Amino acid sequence: MSDLYLPLRSVHMTCAALSILAFVIRYIWMLRESTLLQQRAVKIVPHIVDTLLLLSAIGLVGIIGFGPNAAWLSAKIVGLIVYIVLGTLALKRGRTKGARAMFGLLAIIVFAFIASVARTHNPLGFFMHV
């Protein structure tokens, strides 16, 4: 395995933690109708973190290979797409505050699922115990 694997994995895991932290903070601010959501840094920094998260993921796949890991990596990719859609509905596109609140909770659950898939390398993630 490459000498870059562990540092890249650390960057990926740190960015994942920062990403969900930023989402939860923005979600709470949205629920409270905080003007902090309009700050320039709040609109830019999460995109930078998420870009680093995605680039580190691509780098890790380049190191470990997709073929033998296709099942759980595919589950993470599908989960990521669902998380992005739910997150957008939670923070911007949901029609009512109640709908945005529901989409936000679902996004957090999907993020937890993605993390469980990453941890177990099983495409069922936390559902494998059901």
C-alpha atoms as a PDB file:
ATOM      1  CA  MET A   1       0.000   0.000   0.000  1.00  0.00           C
ATOM      2  CA  SER A   2       1.181   3.504  -0.751  1.00  0.00           C
ATOM      3  CA  ASP A   3       2.958   5.678   1.800  1.00  0.00           C
ATOM      4  CA  LEU A   4       0.192   8.217   1.132  1.00  0.00           C
ATOM      5  CA  TYR A   5      -2.635   5.962   2.306  1.00  0.00           C
ATOM      6  CA  LEU A   6      -2.603   6.792   6.035  1.00  0.00           C
ATOM      7  CA  PRO A   7      -2.140  10.560   5.679  1.00  0.00           C
ATOM      8  CA  LEU A   8      -4.773  10.683   2.927  1.00  0.00           C
ATOM      9  CA  ARG A   9      -7.158   8.619   5.036  1.00  0.00           C
ATOM     10  CA  SER A  10      -6.578  11.046   7.922  1.00  0.00           C
ATOM     11  CA  VAL A  11      -7.379  14.010   5.665  1.00  0.00           C
ATOM     12  CA  HIS A  12     -10.495  12.214   4.418  1.00  0.00           C
ATOM     13  CA  MET A  13     -11.750  11.367   7.907  1.00  0.00           C
ATOM     14  CA  THR A  14     -11.021  14.887   9.188  1.00  0.00           C
ATOM     15  CA  CYS A  15     -12.864  16.440   6.258  1.00  0.00           C
ATOM     16  CA  ALA A  16     -15.797  14.066   6.817  1.00  0.00           C
ATOM     17  CA  ALA A  17     -16.006  15.162  10.465  1.00  0.00           C
ATOM     18  CA  LEU A  18     -15.742  18.844   9.497  1.00  0.00           C
ATOM     19  CA  SER A  19     -18.341  18.376   6.773  1.00  0.00           C
ATOM     20  CA  ILE A  20     -21.007  16.911   9.048  1.00  0.00           C
ATOM     21  CA  LEU A  21     -20.153  19.432  11.771  1.00  0.00           C
ATOM     22  CA  ALA A  22     -20.626  22.306   9.307  1.00  0.00           C
ATOM     23  CA  PHE A  23     -23.882  20.787   8.078  1.00  0.00           C
ATOM     24  CA  VAL A  24     -25.291  20.367  11.593  1.00  0.00           C
ATOM     25  CA  ILE A  25     -24.343  23.943  12.530  1.00  0.00           C
ATOM     26  CA  ARG A  26     -25.941  25.337   9.369  1.00  0.00           C
ATOM     27  CA  TYR A  27     -28.983  23.109   9.937  1.00  0.00           C
ATOM     28  CA  ILE A  28     -29.440  24.489  13.463  1.00  0.00           C
ATOM     29  CA  TRP A  29     -28.989  28.032  12.170  1.00  0.00           C
ATOM     30  CA  MET A  30     -31.584  27.373   9.480  1.00  0.00           C
ATOM     31  CA  LEU A  31     -34.057  26.127  12.092  1.00  0.00           C
ATOM     32  CA  ARG A  32     -33.410  29.238  14.190  1.00  0.00           C
ATOM     33  CA  GLU A  33     -33.555  31.482  11.116  1.00  0.00           C
ATOM     34  CA  SER A  34     -30.134  32.859  12.017  1.00  0.00           C
ATOM     35  CA  THR A  35     -28.577  35.604   9.921  1.00  0.00           C
ATOM     36  CA  LEU A  36     -25.240  33.791  10.390  1.00  0.00           C
ATOM     37  CA  LEU A  37     -26.210  31.659   7.378  1.00  0.00           C
ATOM     38  CA  GLN A  38     -25.684  34.716   5.185  1.00  0.00           C
ATOM     39  CA  GLN A  39     -22.030  35.204   6.148  1.00  0.00           C
ATOM     40  CA  ARG A  40     -19.609  34.774   3.277  1.00  0.00           C
ATOM     41  CA  ALA A  41     -17.416  32.228   5.089  1.00  0.00           C
ATOM     42  CA  VAL A  42     -20.464  30.097   5.904  1.00  0.00           C
ATOM     43  CA  LYS A  43     -21.278  29.949   2.212  1.00  0.00           C
ATOM     44  CA  ILE A  44     -17.707  29.183   1.060  1.00  0.00           C
ATOM     45  CA  VAL A  45     -15.881  27.085   3.686  1.00  0.00           C
ATOM     46  CA  PRO A  46     -18.224  24.049   3.558  1.00  0.00           C
ATOM     47  CA  HIS A  47     -17.660  23.800  -0.212  1.00  0.00           C
ATOM     48  CA  ILE A  48     -13.885  23.862   0.291  1.00  0.00           C
ATOM     49  CA  VAL A  49     -14.093  21.135   2.954  1.00  0.00           C
ATOM     50  CA  ASP A  50     -16.409  19.011   0.790  1.00  0.00           C
ATOM     51  CA  THR A  51     -14.107  19.406  -2.211  1.00  0.00           C
ATOM     52  CA  LEU A  52     -11.137  18.227  -0.133  1.00  0.00           C
ATOM     53  CA  LEU A  53     -13.289  15.350   1.137  1.00  0.00           C
ATOM     54  CA  LEU A  54     -14.121  14.289  -2.417  1.00  0.00           C
ATOM     55  CA  LEU A  55     -10.546  14.689  -3.685  1.00  0.00           C
ATOM     56  CA  SER A  56      -9.182  12.648  -0.783  1.00  0.00           C
ATOM     57  CA  ALA A  57     -11.806   9.959  -1.512  1.00  0.00           C
ATOM     58  CA  ILE A  58     -10.703   9.814  -5.145  1.00  0.00           C
ATOM     59  CA  GLY A  59      -7.086   9.547  -4.008  1.00  0.00           C
ATOM     60  CA  LEU A  60      -7.924   6.711  -1.625  1.00  0.00           C
ATOM     61  CA  VAL A  61      -9.801   4.813  -4.335  1.00  0.00           C
ATOM     62  CA  GLY A  62      -6.736   5.260  -6.547  1.00  0.00           C
ATOM     63  CA  ILE A  63      -4.625   3.620  -3.854  1.00  0.00           C
ATOM     64  CA  ILE A  64      -6.928   0.775  -2.744  1.00  0.00           C
ATOM     65  CA  GLY A  65      -8.586   0.134  -6.103  1.00  0.00           C
ATOM     66  CA  PHE A  66     -12.273   0.143  -6.944  1.00  0.00           C
ATOM     67  CA  GLY A  67     -12.663  -3.430  -8.232  1.00  0.00           C
ATOM     68  CA  PRO A  68     -12.197  -5.403  -5.021  1.00  0.00           C
ATOM     69  CA  ASN A  69     -13.997  -2.695  -3.029  1.00  0.00           C
ATOM     70  CA  ALA A  70     -16.772  -1.948  -5.524  1.00  0.00           C
ATOM     71  CA  ALA A  71     -19.704  -3.035  -3.344  1.00  0.00           C
ATOM     72  CA  TRP A  72     -19.042  -0.865  -0.301  1.00  0.00           C
ATOM     73  CA  LEU A  73     -17.590   2.039  -2.295  1.00  0.00           C
ATOM     74  CA  SER A  74     -20.670   2.035  -4.523  1.00  0.00           C
ATOM     75  CA  ALA A  75     -22.862   2.131  -1.415  1.00  0.00           C
ATOM     76  CA  LYS A  76     -20.904   5.162  -0.184  1.00  0.00           C
ATOM     77  CA  ILE A  77     -21.274   6.911  -3.555  1.00  0.00           C
ATOM     78  CA  VAL A  78     -25.036   6.305  -3.678  1.00  0.00           C
ATOM     79  CA  GLY A  79     -25.272   7.432  -0.049  1.00  0.00           C
ATOM     80  CA  LEU A  80     -23.312  10.571  -0.884  1.00  0.00           C
ATOM     81  CA  ILE A  81     -25.711  11.471  -3.699  1.00  0.00           C
ATOM     82  CA  VAL A  82     -28.704  10.964  -1.380  1.00  0.00           C
ATOM     83  CA  TYR A  83     -26.979  13.007   1.358  1.00  0.00           C
ATOM     84  CA  ILE A  84     -26.294  15.888  -1.040  1.00  0.00           C
ATOM     85  CA  VAL A  85     -29.914  15.959  -2.249  1.00  0.00           C
ATOM     86  CA  LEU A  86     -31.288  15.796   1.300  1.00  0.00           C
ATOM     87  CA  GLY A  87     -28.810  18.411   2.514  1.00  0.00           C
ATOM     88  CA  THR A  88     -29.800  20.801  -0.267  1.00  0.00           C
ATOM     89  CA  LEU A  89     -33.476  20.279   0.542  1.00  0.00           C
ATOM     90  CA  ALA A  90     -32.733  20.842   4.243  1.00  0.00           C
ATOM     91  CA  LEU A  91     -30.734  24.032   3.889  1.00  0.00           C
ATOM     92  CA  LYS A  92     -32.162  25.718   0.797  1.00  0.00           C
ATOM     93  CA  ARG A  93     -34.780  24.023  -1.296  1.00  0.00           C
ATOM     94  CA  GLY A  94     -37.312  22.628   1.198  1.00  0.00           C
ATOM     95  CA  ARG A  95     -40.603  24.506   0.829  1.00  0.00           C
ATOM     96  CA  THR A  96     -41.446  24.752   4.516  1.00  0.00           C
ATOM     97  CA  LYS A  97     -39.402  24.861   7.692  1.00  0.00           C
ATOM     98  CA  GLY A  98     -40.990  21.553   8.747  1.00  0.00           C
ATOM     99  CA  ALA A  99     -39.943  19.918   5.492  1.00  0.00           C
ATOM    100  CA  ARG A 100     -36.422  21.336   5.819  1.00  0.00           C
ATOM    101  CA  ALA A 101     -36.245  20.014   9.392  1.00  0.00           C
ATOM    102  CA  MET A 102     -37.254  16.528   8.224  1.00  0.00           C
ATOM    103  CA  PHE A 103     -34.803  16.566   5.297  1.00  0.00           C
ATOM    104  CA  GLY A 104     -32.025  17.650   7.659  1.00  0.00           C
ATOM    105  CA  LEU A 105     -32.633  14.762  10.041  1.00  0.00           C
ATOM    106  CA  LEU A 106     -32.709  12.341   7.122  1.00  0.00           C
ATOM    107  CA  ALA A 107     -29.445  13.808   5.792  1.00  0.00           C
ATOM    108  CA  ILE A 108     -27.777  13.231   9.178  1.00  0.00           C
ATOM    109  CA  ILE A 109     -29.013   9.621   9.227  1.00  0.00           C
ATOM    110  CA  VAL A 110     -27.689   9.064   5.689  1.00  0.00           C
ATOM    111  CA  PHE A 111     -24.333  10.551   6.703  1.00  0.00           C
ATOM    112  CA  ALA A 112     -24.216   8.100   9.638  1.00  0.00           C
ATOM    113  CA  PHE A 113     -24.991   5.280   7.196  1.00  0.00           C
ATOM    114  CA  ILE A 114     -22.130   6.383   4.913  1.00  0.00           C
ATOM    115  CA  ALA A 115     -19.767   6.457   7.906  1.00  0.00           C
ATOM    116  CA  SER A 116     -20.914   2.970   8.952  1.00  0.00           C
ATOM    117  CA  VAL A 117     -20.245   1.652   5.443  1.00  0.00           C
ATOM    118  CA  ALA A 118     -16.775   3.201   5.510  1.00  0.00           C
ATOM    119  CA  ARG A 119     -16.020   1.737   8.914  1.00  0.00           C
ATOM    120  CA  THR A 120     -17.269  -1.790   8.187  1.00  0.00           C
ATOM    121  CA  HIS A 121     -16.449  -1.964   4.463  1.00  0.00           C
ATOM    122  CA  ASN A 122     -19.876  -3.552   4.158  1.00  0.00           C
ATOM    123  CA  PRO A 123     -22.432  -2.039   1.740  1.00  0.00           C
ATOM    124  CA  LEU A 124     -25.186  -2.605   4.305  1.00  0.00           C
ATOM    125  CA  GLY A 125     -23.427  -0.465   6.909  1.00  0.00           C
ATOM    126  CA  PHE A 126     -25.455  -0.298  10.103  1.00  0.00           C
ATOM    127  CA  PHE A 127     -28.265  -2.241   8.406  1.00  0.00           C
ATOM    128  CA  MET A 128     -26.203  -5.437   8.534  1.00  0.00           C
ATOM    129  CA  HIS A 129     -27.320  -5.854  12.172  1.00  0.00           C
ATOM    130  CA  VAL A 130     -31.026  -5.625  11.363  1.00  0.00           C
END
